[in-house]
Amino acid sequence: MSVRVLGIDPGLTRCGVGVVDVAGNRTATLVDVTVLRSAPDLPLEQRLLLISRGLEEMLDRHKPAFVAIERVFAQNNVRTVMGTAQISGVALLLAAQRGLPVTLHTPSEVKAAITGHGSADKAQVGAMVARVLGLTEVPRPADAADALALAICHAWRTGISGGTLPSAPGVTAGSLTPAQRAWRAAERGSVSPVPRSLKR
């Protein structure tokens, strides 16, 4: 049995939204991904409305069981963090209206879950998301990859897809993805390094 998670990388100009199905052995499958946009020259209320409508459409079309949102963290650019917080509030409201549980994850939590390192850069996260989902290309722009990473992170960190890594019969260490191997190592207290092929 798989669970469906919708991840949101909040932003006022670009808001990444990714949907994945995660099976009991933590195998993740891409359902949909998009980046919602609003023009900076529009009035704030119109920008919020545009992003809100896009989020509503994704929530109602894919009907996720869980929603994961990137936690707002302090930045020097107050304008940017305000826009991020405003969209986060919109997303929280829309999820609550649909009775969906929401979890906030910090960027470092997402990076650690996906790559095994909380300090991984965007290129490493994107490359690992593509590998985990079996994609031939990294989702672009980075907001799309980040939204998918949030969804995968939520399923893996909370165990909603079937508990600890992976216990299903027939699943061996050799059949795990690099991200799953990194997560298993992290759970045992010894985080494996990011694969050399992903370093740039």
N, C-alpha and C. Protein backbone atom coordinates (compact mmCIF):
# COMPACT_ATOMS: atom_id res chain seq x y z
N MET A 1 0.84 -1.19 0.00
CA MET A 1 0.00 0.00 0.00
C MET A 1 0.88 1.25 0.00
N SER A 2 0.53 2.23 -0.81
CA SER A 2 1.32 3.45 -0.88
C SER A 2 0.52 4.62 -0.31
N VAL A 3 1.23 5.68 0.06
CA VAL A 3 0.59 6.89 0.54
C VAL A 3 0.96 8.03 -0.40
N ARG A 4 0.07 8.99 -0.53
CA ARG A 4 0.30 10.13 -1.41
C ARG A 4 0.60 11.38 -0.57
N VAL A 5 1.71 12.01 -0.89
CA VAL A 5 2.14 13.20 -0.17
C VAL A 5 2.31 14.35 -1.16
N LEU A 6 1.81 15.52 -0.79
CA LEU A 6 1.99 16.72 -1.59
C LEU A 6 2.96 17.64 -0.87
N GLY A 7 4.07 17.97 -1.54
CA GLY A 7 5.07 18.84 -0.96
C GLY A 7 4.98 20.23 -1.56
N ILE A 8 5.19 21.23 -0.72
CA ILE A 8 5.10 22.63 -1.17
C ILE A 8 6.37 23.37 -0.78
N ASP A 9 7.05 23.92 -1.78
CA ASP A 9 8.19 24.81 -1.55
C ASP A 9 7.65 26.23 -1.73
N PRO A 10 7.24 26.88 -0.63
CA PRO A 10 6.48 28.13 -0.73
C PRO A 10 7.29 29.31 -1.24
N GLY A 11 6.66 30.12 -2.05
CA GLY A 11 7.27 31.32 -2.56
C GLY A 11 6.22 32.15 -3.25
N LEU A 12 6.37 33.46 -3.22
CA LEU A 12 5.38 34.33 -3.80
C LEU A 12 5.55 34.48 -5.31
N THR A 13 6.80 34.49 -5.77
CA THR A 13 7.07 34.56 -7.21
C THR A 13 7.02 33.18 -7.85
N ARG A 14 7.63 32.20 -7.18
CA ARG A 14 7.60 30.81 -7.65
C ARG A 14 7.29 29.91 -6.46
N CYS A 15 6.29 29.07 -6.61
CA CYS A 15 5.89 28.13 -5.56
C CYS A 15 5.91 26.72 -6.14
N GLY A 16 6.85 25.91 -5.70
CA GLY A 16 6.94 24.54 -6.20
C GLY A 16 5.93 23.64 -5.52
N VAL A 17 5.29 22.78 -6.30
CA VAL A 17 4.32 21.82 -5.76
C VAL A 17 4.62 20.45 -6.37
N GLY A 18 4.89 19.47 -5.53
CA GLY A 18 5.21 18.14 -6.03
C GLY A 18 4.38 17.08 -5.33
N VAL A 19 3.94 16.09 -6.07
CA VAL A 19 3.11 15.01 -5.52
C VAL A 19 3.79 13.67 -5.81
N VAL A 20 3.94 12.86 -4.77
CA VAL A 20 4.55 11.54 -4.93
C VAL A 20 3.73 10.49 -4.20
N ASP A 21 3.79 9.27 -4.71
CA ASP A 21 3.26 8.11 -4.01
C ASP A 21 4.45 7.34 -3.46
N VAL A 22 4.40 6.98 -2.18
CA VAL A 22 5.51 6.29 -1.54
C VAL A 22 5.02 4.95 -1.00
N ALA A 23 5.67 3.88 -1.43
CA ALA A 23 5.26 2.53 -1.05
C ALA A 23 5.85 2.14 0.31
N GLY A 24 5.44 0.96 0.78
CA GLY A 24 5.88 0.48 2.09
C GLY A 24 7.37 0.29 2.20
N ASN A 25 8.05 0.01 1.09
CA ASN A 25 9.51 -0.13 1.13
C ASN A 25 10.22 1.18 0.82
N ARG A 26 9.44 2.28 0.84
CA ARG A 26 9.93 3.64 0.63
C ARG A 26 10.31 3.94 -0.82
N THR A 27 9.87 3.11 -1.73
CA THR A 27 10.03 3.43 -3.14
C THR A 27 9.06 4.54 -3.49
N ALA A 28 9.57 5.61 -4.10
CA ALA A 28 8.75 6.78 -4.42
C ALA A 28 8.49 6.87 -5.92
N THR A 29 7.26 7.26 -6.27
CA THR A 29 6.86 7.40 -7.66
C THR A 29 6.31 8.80 -7.89
N LEU A 30 6.76 9.44 -8.97
CA LEU A 30 6.27 10.76 -9.30
C LEU A 30 4.82 10.70 -9.77
N VAL A 31 3.99 11.57 -9.22
CA VAL A 31 2.61 11.71 -9.65
C VAL A 31 2.46 12.98 -10.49
N ASP A 32 2.94 14.08 -9.97
CA ASP A 32 2.85 15.35 -10.68
C ASP A 32 3.77 16.36 -10.02
N VAL A 33 4.21 17.33 -10.79
CA VAL A 33 5.02 18.42 -10.23
C VAL A 33 4.78 19.66 -11.08
N THR A 34 4.73 20.81 -10.44
CA THR A 34 4.54 22.07 -11.16
C THR A 34 5.13 23.20 -10.34
N VAL A 35 5.31 24.33 -10.98
CA VAL A 35 5.75 25.54 -10.29
C VAL A 35 4.71 26.63 -10.57
N LEU A 36 4.04 27.07 -9.53
CA LEU A 36 3.05 28.13 -9.64
C LEU A 36 3.77 29.48 -9.61
N ARG A 37 3.32 30.42 -10.41
CA ARG A 37 4.03 31.70 -10.53
C ARG A 37 3.06 32.87 -10.39
N SER A 38 3.59 33.98 -9.89
CA SER A 38 2.85 35.24 -9.86
C SER A 38 3.82 36.37 -10.18
N ALA A 39 3.39 37.30 -11.00
CA ALA A 39 4.25 38.40 -11.44
C ALA A 39 4.48 39.39 -10.30
N PRO A 40 5.72 39.82 -10.11
CA PRO A 40 6.05 40.76 -9.02
C PRO A 40 5.32 42.10 -9.10
N ASP A 41 4.86 42.48 -10.31
CA ASP A 41 4.22 43.79 -10.44
C ASP A 41 2.72 43.76 -10.13
N LEU A 42 2.18 42.59 -9.82
CA LEU A 42 0.76 42.50 -9.47
C LEU A 42 0.56 42.93 -8.01
N PRO A 43 -0.64 43.41 -7.67
CA PRO A 43 -0.94 43.70 -6.27
C PRO A 43 -0.81 42.43 -5.43
N LEU A 44 -0.39 42.59 -4.19
CA LEU A 44 -0.14 41.44 -3.32
C LEU A 44 -1.33 40.51 -3.24
N GLU A 45 -2.54 41.08 -3.08
CA GLU A 45 -3.72 40.22 -2.93
C GLU A 45 -3.98 39.38 -4.18
N GLN A 46 -3.65 39.92 -5.36
CA GLN A 46 -3.82 39.16 -6.60
C GLN A 46 -2.78 38.06 -6.72
N ARG A 47 -1.58 38.32 -6.24
CA ARG A 47 -0.53 37.29 -6.26
C ARG A 47 -0.90 36.13 -5.35
N LEU A 48 -1.40 36.46 -4.16
CA LEU A 48 -1.83 35.41 -3.24
C LEU A 48 -2.99 34.61 -3.82
N LEU A 49 -3.89 35.28 -4.50
CA LEU A 49 -5.04 34.61 -5.11
C LEU A 49 -4.58 33.64 -6.20
N LEU A 50 -3.64 34.07 -7.04
CA LEU A 50 -3.13 33.22 -8.11
C LEU A 50 -2.51 31.94 -7.56
N ILE A 51 -1.62 32.10 -6.58
CA ILE A 51 -0.96 30.93 -5.99
C ILE A 51 -1.98 30.05 -5.28
N SER A 52 -2.93 30.69 -4.59
CA SER A 52 -3.96 29.94 -3.87
C SER A 52 -4.77 29.06 -4.81
N ARG A 53 -5.16 29.61 -5.95
CA ARG A 53 -5.95 28.83 -6.91
C ARG A 53 -5.15 27.65 -7.45
N GLY A 54 -3.87 27.86 -7.69
CA GLY A 54 -3.04 26.76 -8.17
C GLY A 54 -2.89 25.66 -7.14
N LEU A 55 -2.72 26.05 -5.88
CA LEU A 55 -2.62 25.06 -4.81
C LEU A 55 -3.93 24.29 -4.65
N GLU A 56 -5.04 25.00 -4.72
CA GLU A 56 -6.34 24.35 -4.61
C GLU A 56 -6.52 23.31 -5.71
N GLU A 57 -6.12 23.68 -6.92
CA GLU A 57 -6.29 22.77 -8.04
C GLU A 57 -5.47 21.49 -7.84
N MET A 58 -4.24 21.64 -7.37
CA MET A 58 -3.39 20.47 -7.13
C MET A 58 -3.93 19.61 -5.99
N LEU A 59 -4.38 20.25 -4.93
CA LEU A 59 -4.92 19.50 -3.79
C LEU A 59 -6.18 18.74 -4.17
N ASP A 60 -7.08 19.37 -4.91
CA ASP A 60 -8.35 18.73 -5.25
C ASP A 60 -8.20 17.69 -6.35
N ARG A 61 -7.22 17.88 -7.23
CA ARG A 61 -7.04 16.91 -8.33
C ARG A 61 -6.34 15.65 -7.83
N HIS A 62 -5.34 15.81 -6.98
CA HIS A 62 -4.54 14.64 -6.57
C HIS A 62 -4.93 14.05 -5.23
N LYS A 63 -5.67 14.80 -4.43
CA LYS A 63 -6.20 14.30 -3.14
C LYS A 63 -5.12 13.59 -2.30
N PRO A 64 -4.10 14.32 -1.88
CA PRO A 64 -3.06 13.71 -1.05
C PRO A 64 -3.58 13.36 0.34
N ALA A 65 -2.88 12.43 1.00
CA ALA A 65 -3.23 12.09 2.38
C ALA A 65 -2.49 12.98 3.36
N PHE A 66 -1.35 13.53 2.92
CA PHE A 66 -0.53 14.37 3.78
C PHE A 66 0.03 15.53 2.97
N VAL A 67 0.31 16.63 3.67
CA VAL A 67 0.92 17.80 3.05
C VAL A 67 2.19 18.15 3.82
N ALA A 68 3.26 18.41 3.09
CA ALA A 68 4.53 18.81 3.69
C ALA A 68 4.93 20.17 3.13
N ILE A 69 5.29 21.09 4.01
CA ILE A 69 5.65 22.44 3.62
C ILE A 69 7.02 22.78 4.19
N GLU A 70 7.84 23.48 3.41
CA GLU A 70 9.13 23.89 3.93
C GLU A 70 8.95 24.95 5.00
N ARG A 71 9.60 24.75 6.13
CA ARG A 71 9.49 25.70 7.24
C ARG A 71 10.22 27.00 6.90
N VAL A 72 9.57 28.11 7.16
CA VAL A 72 10.17 29.42 6.90
C VAL A 72 11.33 29.63 7.87
N PHE A 73 12.46 30.05 7.35
CA PHE A 73 13.61 30.32 8.20
C PHE A 73 14.10 31.74 7.94
N ALA A 74 14.85 32.30 8.90
CA ALA A 74 15.27 33.70 8.83
C ALA A 74 16.19 33.94 7.64
N GLN A 75 15.97 35.03 6.97
CA GLN A 75 16.83 35.47 5.87
C GLN A 75 17.11 36.95 6.03
N ASN A 76 18.20 37.41 5.39
CA ASN A 76 18.50 38.84 5.40
C ASN A 76 17.49 39.62 4.59
N ASN A 77 16.92 38.95 3.56
CA ASN A 77 15.95 39.61 2.70
C ASN A 77 14.55 39.47 3.32
N VAL A 78 14.13 40.51 4.04
CA VAL A 78 12.85 40.47 4.75
C VAL A 78 11.69 40.33 3.77
N ARG A 79 11.80 40.97 2.61
CA ARG A 79 10.73 40.89 1.62
C ARG A 79 10.51 39.47 1.14
N THR A 80 11.61 38.75 0.92
CA THR A 80 11.52 37.36 0.47
C THR A 80 10.89 36.47 1.53
N VAL A 81 11.34 36.61 2.77
CA VAL A 81 10.83 35.75 3.82
C VAL A 81 9.36 36.06 4.10
N MET A 82 8.94 37.32 3.93
CA MET A 82 7.54 37.66 4.12
C MET A 82 6.67 36.98 3.07
N GLY A 83 7.11 37.00 1.81
CA GLY A 83 6.36 36.34 0.76
C GLY A 83 6.25 34.85 0.99
N THR A 84 7.36 34.24 1.45
CA THR A 84 7.37 32.81 1.75
C THR A 84 6.39 32.50 2.88
N ALA A 85 6.40 33.33 3.91
CA ALA A 85 5.50 33.11 5.05
C ALA A 85 4.04 33.28 4.64
N GLN A 86 3.77 34.24 3.77
CA GLN A 86 2.39 34.46 3.32
C GLN A 86 1.85 33.26 2.55
N ILE A 87 2.67 32.71 1.66
CA ILE A 87 2.23 31.54 0.90
C ILE A 87 2.12 30.32 1.81
N SER A 88 3.00 30.22 2.79
CA SER A 88 2.90 29.11 3.74
C SER A 88 1.57 29.17 4.47
N GLY A 89 1.16 30.38 4.86
CA GLY A 89 -0.13 30.54 5.53
C GLY A 89 -1.29 30.15 4.64
N VAL A 90 -1.21 30.52 3.37
CA VAL A 90 -2.26 30.14 2.41
C VAL A 90 -2.33 28.62 2.30
N ALA A 91 -1.17 27.98 2.18
CA ALA A 91 -1.13 26.52 2.04
C ALA A 91 -1.66 25.83 3.29
N LEU A 92 -1.30 26.33 4.46
CA LEU A 92 -1.80 25.76 5.71
C LEU A 92 -3.32 25.86 5.80
N LEU A 93 -3.85 27.01 5.40
CA LEU A 93 -5.30 27.20 5.43
C LEU A 93 -6.01 26.24 4.48
N LEU A 94 -5.51 26.12 3.26
CA LEU A 94 -6.15 25.25 2.27
C LEU A 94 -6.12 23.79 2.72
N ALA A 95 -5.01 23.38 3.31
CA ALA A 95 -4.92 22.00 3.81
C ALA A 95 -5.90 21.78 4.95
N ALA A 96 -5.98 22.75 5.86
CA ALA A 96 -6.89 22.63 7.01
C ALA A 96 -8.34 22.56 6.56
N GLN A 97 -8.68 23.33 5.53
CA GLN A 97 -10.06 23.31 5.02
C GLN A 97 -10.43 21.92 4.48
N ARG A 98 -9.43 21.16 4.06
CA ARG A 98 -9.67 19.82 3.51
C ARG A 98 -9.39 18.72 4.53
N GLY A 99 -9.10 19.12 5.75
CA GLY A 99 -8.88 18.14 6.81
C GLY A 99 -7.58 17.36 6.66
N LEU A 100 -6.60 17.96 5.98
CA LEU A 100 -5.34 17.26 5.72
C LEU A 100 -4.30 17.61 6.77
N PRO A 101 -3.59 16.61 7.30
CA PRO A 101 -2.51 16.89 8.25
C PRO A 101 -1.33 17.53 7.53
N VAL A 102 -0.73 18.53 8.17
CA VAL A 102 0.39 19.26 7.59
C VAL A 102 1.60 19.16 8.51
N THR A 103 2.77 18.95 7.93
CA THR A 103 4.02 18.95 8.68
C THR A 103 4.98 19.93 8.02
N LEU A 104 5.68 20.72 8.84
CA LEU A 104 6.70 21.64 8.34
C LEU A 104 8.07 21.02 8.52
N HIS A 105 8.88 21.06 7.48
CA HIS A 105 10.24 20.51 7.53
C HIS A 105 11.24 21.60 7.20
N THR A 106 12.33 21.66 7.93
CA THR A 106 13.37 22.64 7.65
C THR A 106 14.17 22.19 6.42
N PRO A 107 14.83 23.12 5.75
CA PRO A 107 15.66 22.75 4.60
C PRO A 107 16.71 21.70 4.95
N SER A 108 17.33 21.81 6.12
CA SER A 108 18.37 20.85 6.49
C SER A 108 17.79 19.46 6.73
N GLU A 109 16.56 19.39 7.25
CA GLU A 109 15.91 18.08 7.43
C GLU A 109 15.66 17.42 6.08
N VAL A 110 15.22 18.21 5.12
CA VAL A 110 14.94 17.68 3.78
C VAL A 110 16.23 17.20 3.14
N LYS A 111 17.28 18.00 3.21
CA LYS A 111 18.56 17.63 2.61
C LYS A 111 19.12 16.36 3.23
N ALA A 112 19.01 16.26 4.56
CA ALA A 112 19.52 15.07 5.24
C ALA A 112 18.74 13.83 4.85
N ALA A 113 17.42 13.96 4.71
CA ALA A 113 16.60 12.80 4.35
C ALA A 113 16.87 12.33 2.93
N ILE A 114 17.08 13.28 2.02
CA ILE A 114 17.23 12.93 0.61
C ILE A 114 18.64 12.52 0.26
N THR A 115 19.64 13.22 0.80
CA THR A 115 21.04 12.95 0.41
C THR A 115 21.88 12.33 1.51
N GLY A 116 21.39 12.41 2.77
CA GLY A 116 22.20 11.93 3.88
C GLY A 116 23.03 13.04 4.50
N HIS A 117 22.97 14.24 3.92
CA HIS A 117 23.75 15.37 4.43
C HIS A 117 22.87 16.61 4.54
N GLY A 118 22.82 17.21 5.72
CA GLY A 118 22.03 18.41 5.92
C GLY A 118 22.57 19.65 5.26
N SER A 119 23.82 19.56 4.77
CA SER A 119 24.44 20.71 4.12
C SER A 119 24.56 20.54 2.60
N ALA A 120 23.87 19.57 2.05
CA ALA A 120 23.92 19.34 0.60
C ALA A 120 23.42 20.56 -0.15
N ASP A 121 23.96 20.77 -1.37
CA ASP A 121 23.49 21.91 -2.15
C ASP A 121 22.31 21.50 -3.03
N LYS A 122 21.75 22.49 -3.72
CA LYS A 122 20.56 22.24 -4.53
C LYS A 122 20.82 21.25 -5.65
N ALA A 123 22.01 21.29 -6.22
CA ALA A 123 22.33 20.37 -7.31
C ALA A 123 22.32 18.93 -6.81
N GLN A 124 22.86 18.69 -5.62
CA GLN A 124 22.87 17.35 -5.05
C GLN A 124 21.46 16.88 -4.71
N VAL A 125 20.66 17.77 -4.15
CA VAL A 125 19.27 17.42 -3.83
C VAL A 125 18.51 17.08 -5.09
N GLY A 126 18.65 17.92 -6.12
CA GLY A 126 17.94 17.67 -7.37
C GLY A 126 18.34 16.37 -8.02
N ALA A 127 19.65 16.10 -8.02
CA ALA A 127 20.14 14.86 -8.62
C ALA A 127 19.62 13.64 -7.88
N MET A 128 19.56 13.71 -6.54
CA MET A 128 19.07 12.57 -5.77
C MET A 128 17.57 12.39 -5.93
N VAL A 129 16.83 13.49 -6.04
CA VAL A 129 15.38 13.40 -6.28
C VAL A 129 15.13 12.67 -7.60
N ALA A 130 15.88 13.05 -8.63
CA ALA A 130 15.73 12.39 -9.93
C ALA A 130 16.05 10.90 -9.83
N ARG A 131 17.08 10.56 -9.07
CA ARG A 131 17.47 9.15 -8.94
C ARG A 131 16.43 8.36 -8.15
N VAL A 132 15.94 8.94 -7.07
CA VAL A 132 14.94 8.26 -6.25
C VAL A 132 13.66 8.00 -7.04
N LEU A 133 13.27 8.97 -7.87
CA LEU A 133 12.03 8.85 -8.64
C LEU A 133 12.22 8.17 -9.98
N GLY A 134 13.45 7.83 -10.32
CA GLY A 134 13.72 7.15 -11.59
C GLY A 134 13.54 8.05 -12.80
N LEU A 135 13.86 9.33 -12.64
CA LEU A 135 13.71 10.29 -13.73
C LEU A 135 15.00 10.39 -14.54
N THR A 136 14.87 10.68 -15.81
CA THR A 136 16.06 10.83 -16.65
C THR A 136 16.68 12.22 -16.52
N GLU A 137 15.90 13.18 -16.03
CA GLU A 137 16.41 14.54 -15.85
C GLU A 137 15.99 15.08 -14.50
N VAL A 138 16.78 16.01 -13.99
CA VAL A 138 16.45 16.67 -12.73
C VAL A 138 15.28 17.61 -12.96
N PRO A 139 14.24 17.56 -12.12
CA PRO A 139 13.11 18.48 -12.27
C PRO A 139 13.57 19.93 -12.17
N ARG A 140 13.11 20.76 -13.07
CA ARG A 140 13.50 22.18 -13.07
C ARG A 140 12.26 23.05 -13.22
N PRO A 141 12.33 24.28 -12.62
CA PRO A 141 13.45 24.84 -11.87
C PRO A 141 13.63 24.18 -10.52
N ALA A 142 14.56 24.70 -9.72
CA ALA A 142 14.89 24.06 -8.44
C ALA A 142 13.68 23.98 -7.52
N ASP A 143 12.73 24.91 -7.67
CA ASP A 143 11.53 24.88 -6.82
C ASP A 143 10.75 23.58 -7.00
N ALA A 144 10.76 23.03 -8.21
CA ALA A 144 10.06 21.78 -8.49
C ALA A 144 10.74 20.62 -7.77
N ALA A 145 12.08 20.55 -7.90
CA ALA A 145 12.83 19.49 -7.23
C ALA A 145 12.69 19.60 -5.72
N ASP A 146 12.71 20.82 -5.19
CA ASP A 146 12.59 21.01 -3.75
C ASP A 146 11.23 20.55 -3.22
N ALA A 147 10.17 20.80 -3.99
CA ALA A 147 8.83 20.37 -3.58
C ALA A 147 8.74 18.85 -3.53
N LEU A 148 9.32 18.19 -4.53
CA LEU A 148 9.33 16.72 -4.53
C LEU A 148 10.17 16.18 -3.38
N ALA A 149 11.31 16.84 -3.12
CA ALA A 149 12.16 16.43 -2.00
C ALA A 149 11.40 16.53 -0.68
N LEU A 150 10.61 17.57 -0.52
CA LEU A 150 9.80 17.73 0.69
C LEU A 150 8.82 16.58 0.87
N ALA A 151 8.16 16.21 -0.22
CA ALA A 151 7.18 15.13 -0.15
C ALA A 151 7.84 13.80 0.21
N ILE A 152 8.97 13.52 -0.44
CA ILE A 152 9.70 12.28 -0.16
C ILE A 152 10.21 12.29 1.28
N CYS A 153 10.80 13.42 1.68
CA CYS A 153 11.32 13.56 3.04
C CYS A 153 10.24 13.27 4.07
N HIS A 154 9.05 13.81 3.85
CA HIS A 154 7.97 13.63 4.83
C HIS A 154 7.63 12.15 4.99
N ALA A 155 7.50 11.46 3.87
CA ALA A 155 7.15 10.04 3.95
C ALA A 155 8.24 9.24 4.64
N TRP A 156 9.48 9.53 4.33
CA TRP A 156 10.59 8.78 4.91
C TRP A 156 10.82 9.12 6.38
N ARG A 157 10.74 10.38 6.73
CA ARG A 157 11.03 10.78 8.12
C ARG A 157 9.94 10.36 9.09
N THR A 158 8.69 10.44 8.65
CA THR A 158 7.57 10.14 9.55
C THR A 158 7.19 8.67 9.55
N GLY A 159 7.64 7.92 8.55
CA GLY A 159 7.31 6.50 8.50
C GLY A 159 5.90 6.21 8.03
N ILE A 160 5.21 7.20 7.46
CA ILE A 160 3.83 6.99 7.04
C ILE A 160 3.72 5.99 5.90
N SER A 161 4.84 5.76 5.20
CA SER A 161 4.79 4.84 4.06
C SER A 161 5.07 3.40 4.45
N GLY A 162 5.29 3.14 5.72
CA GLY A 162 5.49 1.76 6.12
C GLY A 162 6.56 1.52 7.15
N GLY A 163 6.91 2.50 7.92
CA GLY A 163 7.85 2.29 9.01
C GLY A 163 9.29 2.44 8.61
N THR A 164 10.15 1.72 9.29
CA THR A 164 11.58 1.90 9.09
C THR A 164 12.04 1.29 7.79
N LEU A 165 13.19 1.68 7.36
CA LEU A 165 13.72 1.31 6.06
C LEU A 165 14.23 -0.10 5.96
N PRO A 166 14.08 -0.64 4.72
CA PRO A 166 12.79 -1.14 4.39
C PRO A 166 12.70 -2.52 4.94
N SER A 167 11.58 -2.97 5.38
CA SER A 167 11.46 -4.26 6.05
C SER A 167 10.66 -5.27 5.23
N ALA A 168 10.23 -4.85 4.04
CA ALA A 168 9.43 -5.75 3.22
C ALA A 168 10.25 -6.94 2.77
N PRO A 169 9.66 -8.12 2.72
CA PRO A 169 10.38 -9.32 2.28
C PRO A 169 10.94 -9.12 0.88
N GLY A 170 12.17 -9.59 0.68
CA GLY A 170 12.76 -9.54 -0.65
C GLY A 170 13.49 -8.25 -0.93
N VAL A 171 13.43 -7.27 -0.03
CA VAL A 171 14.13 -6.02 -0.24
C VAL A 171 15.49 -6.12 0.42
N THR A 172 16.53 -6.06 -0.36
CA THR A 172 17.89 -6.19 0.15
C THR A 172 18.61 -4.87 0.03
N ALA A 173 19.75 -4.76 0.71
CA ALA A 173 20.53 -3.53 0.66
C ALA A 173 20.93 -3.19 -0.75
N GLY A 174 21.19 -4.21 -1.57
CA GLY A 174 21.63 -3.95 -2.94
C GLY A 174 20.53 -3.38 -3.81
N SER A 175 19.26 -3.53 -3.41
CA SER A 175 18.16 -3.02 -4.23
C SER A 175 17.72 -1.64 -3.82
N LEU A 176 18.34 -1.06 -2.78
CA LEU A 176 17.97 0.26 -2.32
C LEU A 176 18.55 1.33 -3.23
N THR A 177 17.86 2.46 -3.29
CA THR A 177 18.41 3.61 -4.00
C THR A 177 19.52 4.21 -3.14
N PRO A 178 20.40 5.04 -3.72
CA PRO A 178 21.44 5.68 -2.92
C PRO A 178 20.86 6.48 -1.76
N ALA A 179 19.75 7.17 -1.99
CA ALA A 179 19.15 7.96 -0.91
C ALA A 179 18.64 7.05 0.20
N GLN A 180 18.06 5.90 -0.17
CA GLN A 180 17.57 4.97 0.84
C GLN A 180 18.73 4.37 1.64
N ARG A 181 19.84 4.08 0.95
CA ARG A 181 21.01 3.57 1.66
C ARG A 181 21.56 4.61 2.63
N ALA A 182 21.56 5.89 2.18
CA ALA A 182 22.03 6.98 3.05
C ALA A 182 21.13 7.11 4.27
N TRP A 183 19.83 6.97 4.03
CA TRP A 183 18.88 7.08 5.15
C TRP A 183 19.06 5.92 6.13
N ARG A 184 19.25 4.72 5.61
CA ARG A 184 19.45 3.57 6.49
C ARG A 184 20.71 3.77 7.33
N ALA A 185 21.78 4.26 6.68
CA ALA A 185 23.02 4.50 7.41
C ALA A 185 22.82 5.56 8.48
N ALA A 186 22.04 6.60 8.15
CA ALA A 186 21.78 7.67 9.12
C ALA A 186 21.01 7.13 10.32
N GLU A 187 20.06 6.24 10.05
CA GLU A 187 19.28 5.66 11.15
C GLU A 187 20.15 4.82 12.07
N ARG A 188 21.23 4.28 11.51
CA ARG A 188 22.15 3.47 12.31
C ARG A 188 23.22 4.33 12.98
N GLY A 189 23.19 5.63 12.70
CA GLY A 189 24.12 6.53 13.36
C GLY A 189 25.39 6.82 12.62
N SER A 190 25.49 6.36 11.37
CA SER A 190 26.69 6.64 10.58
C SER A 190 26.26 7.03 9.19
N VAL A 191 26.17 8.34 8.95
CA VAL A 191 25.68 8.85 7.69
C VAL A 191 26.70 8.61 6.60
N SER A 192 26.24 8.03 5.50
CA SER A 192 27.13 7.79 4.37
C SER A 192 27.34 9.06 3.59
N PRO A 193 28.49 9.23 2.94
CA PRO A 193 28.73 10.43 2.16
C PRO A 193 27.88 10.47 0.91
N VAL A 194 27.67 11.68 0.37
CA VAL A 194 26.97 11.81 -0.89
C VAL A 194 27.79 11.11 -1.96
N PRO A 195 27.15 10.29 -2.81
CA PRO A 195 27.89 9.57 -3.85
C PRO A 195 28.75 10.53 -4.66
N ARG A 196 29.97 10.09 -5.00
CA ARG A 196 30.92 10.91 -5.71
C ARG A 196 30.35 11.42 -7.02
N SER A 197 29.50 10.64 -7.67
CA SER A 197 28.94 11.02 -8.97
C SER A 197 28.06 12.24 -8.88
N LEU A 198 27.57 12.57 -7.66
CA LEU A 198 26.68 13.71 -7.50
C LEU A 198 27.43 14.99 -7.13
N LYS A 199 28.72 14.87 -6.85
CA LYS A 199 29.49 16.05 -6.49
C LYS A 199 29.89 16.79 -7.74
N ARG A 200 29.81 18.12 -7.66
CA ARG A 200 30.14 18.94 -8.81
C ARG A 200 31.19 19.97 -8.46
